[in-house]
Amino acid sequence: MAHNFQNLEIWKRGCVLTEKTYAAFKGSTEYELKSQMVRSALSIPSNIAEAIGKEE
C-alpha cells in the first residue's frame, strides 16, 4: 500500500518548523549558525519523505 507522507502530521509540522527556523534567522549575520539550524530543521520532513519512498 502506497503511503503519502504529505498527509502525515509529523511531516507537516517539520515543514512548519523549517519555515519558522528560516524566518527566525532571516537577515542574520551568523551564517554558519543559520545554515546549520535550517539544515537541521529541513532534515525532519526530508528524512520522513525518504523513508516512505523506501517502503514503496
PDB file of N, CA and C in Angstrom:
ATOM      1  N   MET A   1       0.840  -1.174   0.000  1.00  0.00           N
ATOM      2  CA  MET A   1       0.000   0.000   0.000  1.00  0.00           C
ATOM      3  C   MET A   1       0.889   1.243   0.000  1.00  0.00           C
ATOM      4  N   ALA A   2       0.648   2.140  -0.922  1.00  0.00           N
ATOM      5  CA  ALA A   2       1.437   3.363  -1.027  1.00  0.00           C
ATOM      6  C   ALA A   2       1.010   4.368   0.041  1.00  0.00           C
ATOM      7  N   HIS A   3       2.006   4.977   0.674  1.00  0.00           N
ATOM      8  CA  HIS A   3       1.754   5.995   1.689  1.00  0.00           C
ATOM      9  C   HIS A   3       2.030   7.371   1.095  1.00  0.00           C
ATOM     10  N   ASN A   4       1.263   8.341   1.512  1.00  0.00           N
ATOM     11  CA  ASN A   4       1.521   9.705   1.106  1.00  0.00           C
ATOM     12  C   ASN A   4       2.049  10.453   2.326  1.00  0.00           C
ATOM     13  N   PHE A   5       3.362  10.663   2.343  1.00  0.00           N
ATOM     14  CA  PHE A   5       3.981  11.298   3.505  1.00  0.00           C
ATOM     15  C   PHE A   5       3.451  12.707   3.740  1.00  0.00           C
ATOM     16  N   GLN A   6       2.928  13.339   2.695  1.00  0.00           N
ATOM     17  CA  GLN A   6       2.425  14.698   2.832  1.00  0.00           C
ATOM     18  C   GLN A   6       1.162  14.771   3.681  1.00  0.00           C
ATOM     19  N   ASN A   7       0.546  13.646   3.941  1.00  0.00           N
ATOM     20  CA  ASN A   7      -0.631  13.598   4.806  1.00  0.00           C
ATOM     21  C   ASN A   7      -0.260  13.380   6.274  1.00  0.00           C
ATOM     22  N   LEU A   8       1.002  13.075   6.550  1.00  0.00           N
ATOM     23  CA  LEU A   8       1.438  12.821   7.916  1.00  0.00           C
ATOM     24  C   LEU A   8       1.565  14.128   8.695  1.00  0.00           C
ATOM     25  N   GLU A   9       0.999  14.156   9.882  1.00  0.00           N
ATOM     26  CA  GLU A   9       1.055  15.354  10.723  1.00  0.00           C
ATOM     27  C   GLU A   9       2.500  15.716  11.072  1.00  0.00           C
ATOM     28  N   ILE A  10       3.334  14.721  11.331  1.00  0.00           N
ATOM     29  CA  ILE A  10       4.723  14.985  11.692  1.00  0.00           C
ATOM     30  C   ILE A  10       5.477  15.627  10.534  1.00  0.00           C
ATOM     31  N   TRP A  11       5.164  15.239   9.304  1.00  0.00           N
ATOM     32  CA  TRP A  11       5.804  15.839   8.135  1.00  0.00           C
ATOM     33  C   TRP A  11       5.373  17.298   8.003  1.00  0.00           C
ATOM     34  N   LYS A  12       4.084  17.551   8.193  1.00  0.00           N
ATOM     35  CA  LYS A  12       3.560  18.919   8.117  1.00  0.00           C
ATOM     36  C   LYS A  12       4.215  19.810   9.178  1.00  0.00           C
ATOM     37  N   ARG A  13       4.349  19.277  10.393  1.00  0.00           N
ATOM     38  CA  ARG A  13       4.973  20.051  11.470  1.00  0.00           C
ATOM     39  C   ARG A  13       6.451  20.305  11.195  1.00  0.00           C
ATOM     40  N   GLY A  14       7.103  19.337  10.587  1.00  0.00           N
ATOM     41  CA  GLY A  14       8.511  19.517  10.208  1.00  0.00           C
ATOM     42  C   GLY A  14       8.675  20.630   9.188  1.00  0.00           C
ATOM     43  N   CYS A  15       7.736  20.721   8.259  1.00  0.00           N
ATOM     44  CA  CYS A  15       7.777  21.800   7.262  1.00  0.00           C
ATOM     45  C   CYS A  15       7.554  23.152   7.919  1.00  0.00           C
ATOM     46  N   VAL A  16       6.630  23.212   8.870  1.00  0.00           N
ATOM     47  CA  VAL A  16       6.377  24.459   9.596  1.00  0.00           C
ATOM     48  C   VAL A  16       7.623  24.858  10.388  1.00  0.00           C
ATOM     49  N   LEU A  17       8.252  23.893  11.034  1.00  0.00           N
ATOM     50  CA  LEU A  17       9.475  24.168  11.785  1.00  0.00           C
ATOM     51  C   LEU A  17      10.562  24.716  10.861  1.00  0.00           C
ATOM     52  N   THR A  18      10.693  24.147   9.681  1.00  0.00           N
ATOM     53  CA  THR A  18      11.679  24.620   8.714  1.00  0.00           C
ATOM     54  C   THR A  18      11.416  26.075   8.350  1.00  0.00           C
ATOM     55  N   GLU A  19      10.155  26.398   8.054  1.00  0.00           N
ATOM     56  CA  GLU A  19       9.799  27.766   7.686  1.00  0.00           C
ATOM     57  C   GLU A  19      10.065  28.741   8.837  1.00  0.00           C
ATOM     58  N   LYS A  20       9.702  28.344  10.054  1.00  0.00           N
ATOM     59  CA  LYS A  20       9.909  29.216  11.216  1.00  0.00           C
ATOM     60  C   LYS A  20      11.393  29.405  11.516  1.00  0.00           C
ATOM     61  N   THR A  21      12.173  28.359  11.354  1.00  0.00           N
ATOM     62  CA  THR A  21      13.613  28.454  11.588  1.00  0.00           C
ATOM     63  C   THR A  21      14.248  29.391  10.576  1.00  0.00           C
ATOM     64  N   TYR A  22      13.881  29.233   9.319  1.00  0.00           N
ATOM     65  CA  TYR A  22      14.420  30.099   8.277  1.00  0.00           C
ATOM     66  C   TYR A  22      14.045  31.554   8.559  1.00  0.00           C
ATOM     67  N   ALA A  23      12.789  31.795   8.939  1.00  0.00           N
ATOM     68  CA  ALA A  23      12.329  33.153   9.227  1.00  0.00           C
ATOM     69  C   ALA A  23      13.053  33.747  10.432  1.00  0.00           C
ATOM     70  N   ALA A  24      13.319  32.927  11.431  1.00  0.00           N
ATOM     71  CA  ALA A  24      13.986  33.411  12.642  1.00  0.00           C
ATOM     72  C   ALA A  24      15.402  33.885  12.355  1.00  0.00           C
ATOM     73  N   PHE A  25      16.051  33.290  11.381  1.00  0.00           N
ATOM     74  CA  PHE A  25      17.427  33.638  11.069  1.00  0.00           C
ATOM     75  C   PHE A  25      17.554  34.487   9.812  1.00  0.00           C
ATOM     76  N   LYS A  26      16.424  34.921   9.252  1.00  0.00           N
ATOM     77  CA  LYS A  26      16.450  35.735   8.035  1.00  0.00           C
ATOM     78  C   LYS A  26      17.216  37.026   8.315  1.00  0.00           C
ATOM     79  N   GLY A  27      18.164  37.319   7.479  1.00  0.00           N
ATOM     80  CA  GLY A  27      18.965  38.521   7.645  1.00  0.00           C
ATOM     81  C   GLY A  27      20.057  38.395   8.694  1.00  0.00           C
ATOM     82  N   SER A  28      20.211  37.213   9.258  1.00  0.00           N
ATOM     83  CA  SER A  28      21.217  37.007  10.298  1.00  0.00           C
ATOM     84  C   SER A  28      22.623  37.083   9.711  1.00  0.00           C
ATOM     85  N   THR A  29      23.508  37.680  10.464  1.00  0.00           N
ATOM     86  CA  THR A  29      24.908  37.717  10.047  1.00  0.00           C
ATOM     87  C   THR A  29      25.648  36.471  10.522  1.00  0.00           C
ATOM     88  N   GLU A  30      24.989  35.675  11.325  1.00  0.00           N
ATOM     89  CA  GLU A  30      25.578  34.428  11.814  1.00  0.00           C
ATOM     90  C   GLU A  30      25.301  33.321  10.795  1.00  0.00           C
ATOM     91  N   TYR A  31      25.976  33.392   9.658  1.00  0.00           N
ATOM     92  CA  TYR A  31      25.684  32.484   8.551  1.00  0.00           C
ATOM     93  C   TYR A  31      25.821  31.018   8.943  1.00  0.00           C
ATOM     94  N   GLU A  32      26.877  30.670   9.618  1.00  0.00           N
ATOM     95  CA  GLU A  32      27.101  29.262   9.970  1.00  0.00           C
ATOM     96  C   GLU A  32      25.988  28.718  10.860  1.00  0.00           C
ATOM     97  N   LEU A  33      25.575  29.488  11.851  1.00  0.00           N
ATOM     98  CA  LEU A  33      24.502  29.056  12.737  1.00  0.00           C
ATOM     99  C   LEU A  33      23.187  28.944  11.965  1.00  0.00           C
ATOM    100  N   LYS A  34      22.903  29.949  11.158  1.00  0.00           N
ATOM    101  CA  LYS A  34      21.676  29.933  10.348  1.00  0.00           C
ATOM    102  C   LYS A  34      21.659  28.704   9.443  1.00  0.00           C
ATOM    103  N   SER A  35      22.751  28.469   8.766  1.00  0.00           N
ATOM    104  CA  SER A  35      22.846  27.345   7.841  1.00  0.00           C
ATOM    105  C   SER A  35      22.607  26.016   8.554  1.00  0.00           C
ATOM    106  N   GLN A  36      23.242  25.827   9.690  1.00  0.00           N
ATOM    107  CA  GLN A  36      23.102  24.585  10.448  1.00  0.00           C
ATOM    108  C   GLN A  36      21.677  24.395  10.963  1.00  0.00           C
ATOM    109  N   MET A  37      21.072  25.455  11.486  1.00  0.00           N
ATOM    110  CA  MET A  37      19.714  25.356  12.018  1.00  0.00           C
ATOM    111  C   MET A  37      18.706  25.042  10.921  1.00  0.00           C
ATOM    112  N   VAL A  38      18.832  25.705   9.778  1.00  0.00           N
ATOM    113  CA  VAL A  38      17.908  25.454   8.666  1.00  0.00           C
ATOM    114  C   VAL A  38      18.090  24.030   8.147  1.00  0.00           C
ATOM    115  N   ARG A  39      19.322  23.578   8.000  1.00  0.00           N
ATOM    116  CA  ARG A  39      19.563  22.201   7.531  1.00  0.00           C
ATOM    117  C   ARG A  39      18.997  21.181   8.509  1.00  0.00           C
ATOM    118  N   SER A  40      19.162  21.448   9.797  1.00  0.00           N
ATOM    119  CA  SER A  40      18.639  20.530  10.811  1.00  0.00           C
ATOM    120  C   SER A  40      17.121  20.446  10.750  1.00  0.00           C
ATOM    121  N   ALA A  41      16.469  21.588  10.652  1.00  0.00           N
ATOM    122  CA  ALA A  41      15.008  21.602  10.582  1.00  0.00           C
ATOM    123  C   ALA A  41      14.524  20.929   9.303  1.00  0.00           C
ATOM    124  N   LEU A  42      15.178  21.208   8.193  1.00  0.00           N
ATOM    125  CA  LEU A  42      14.776  20.638   6.909  1.00  0.00           C
ATOM    126  C   LEU A  42      14.972  19.125   6.872  1.00  0.00           C
ATOM    127  N   SER A  43      15.897  18.616   7.651  1.00  0.00           N
ATOM    128  CA  SER A  43      16.154  17.174   7.628  1.00  0.00           C
ATOM    129  C   SER A  43      14.961  16.366   8.152  1.00  0.00           C
ATOM    130  N   ILE A  44      14.127  16.965   8.985  1.00  0.00           N
ATOM    131  CA  ILE A  44      12.975  16.234   9.533  1.00  0.00           C
ATOM    132  C   ILE A  44      12.019  15.820   8.421  1.00  0.00           C
ATOM    133  N   PRO A  45      11.414  16.759   7.676  1.00  0.00           N
ATOM    134  CA  PRO A  45      10.495  16.329   6.622  1.00  0.00           C
ATOM    135  C   PRO A  45      11.204  15.576   5.493  1.00  0.00           C
ATOM    136  N   SER A  46      12.458  15.915   5.234  1.00  0.00           N
ATOM    137  CA  SER A  46      13.199  15.214   4.178  1.00  0.00           C
ATOM    138  C   SER A  46      13.402  13.745   4.519  1.00  0.00           C
ATOM    139  N   ASN A  47      13.787  13.461   5.748  1.00  0.00           N
ATOM    140  CA  ASN A  47      14.006  12.072   6.163  1.00  0.00           C
ATOM    141  C   ASN A  47      12.709  11.278   6.174  1.00  0.00           C
ATOM    142  N   ILE A  48      11.609  11.919   6.545  1.00  0.00           N
ATOM    143  CA  ILE A  48      10.310  11.235   6.522  1.00  0.00           C
ATOM    144  C   ILE A  48       9.947  10.871   5.091  1.00  0.00           C
ATOM    145  N   ALA A  49      10.088  11.817   4.186  1.00  0.00           N
ATOM    146  CA  ALA A  49       9.767  11.559   2.782  1.00  0.00           C
ATOM    147  C   ALA A  49      10.646  10.454   2.214  1.00  0.00           C
ATOM    148  N   GLU A  50      11.926  10.481   2.550  1.00  0.00           N
ATOM    149  CA  GLU A  50      12.852   9.456   2.059  1.00  0.00           C
ATOM    150  C   GLU A  50      12.487   8.083   2.599  1.00  0.00           C
ATOM    151  N   ALA A  51      12.157   7.989   3.867  1.00  0.00           N
ATOM    152  CA  ALA A  51      11.800   6.711   4.473  1.00  0.00           C
ATOM    153  C   ALA A  51      10.538   6.131   3.852  1.00  0.00           C
ATOM    154  N   ILE A  52       9.559   6.966   3.612  1.00  0.00           N
ATOM    155  CA  ILE A  52       8.313   6.497   2.987  1.00  0.00           C
ATOM    156  C   ILE A  52       8.594   6.006   1.580  1.00  0.00           C
ATOM    157  N   GLY A  53       9.463   6.724   0.854  1.00  0.00           N
ATOM    158  CA  GLY A  53       9.812   6.330  -0.503  1.00  0.00           C
ATOM    159  C   GLY A  53      10.504   4.974  -0.558  1.00  0.00           C
ATOM    160  N   LYS A  54      11.278   4.642   0.464  1.00  0.00           N
ATOM    161  CA  LYS A  54      11.979   3.354   0.502  1.00  0.00           C
ATOM    162  C   LYS A  54      11.018   2.208   0.777  1.00  0.00           C
ATOM    163  N   GLU A  55       9.890   2.490   1.429  1.00  0.00           N
ATOM    164  CA  GLU A  55       8.918   1.444   1.737  1.00  0.00           C
ATOM    165  C   GLU A  55       8.157   0.991   0.496  1.00  0.00           C
ATOM    166  N   GLU A  56       8.056   1.875  -0.470  1.00  0.00           N
ATOM    167  CA  GLU A  56       7.217   1.575  -1.649  1.00  0.00           C
ATOM    168  C   GLU A  56       7.913   0.705  -2.646  1.00  0.00           C
TER     169      GLU A  56
END
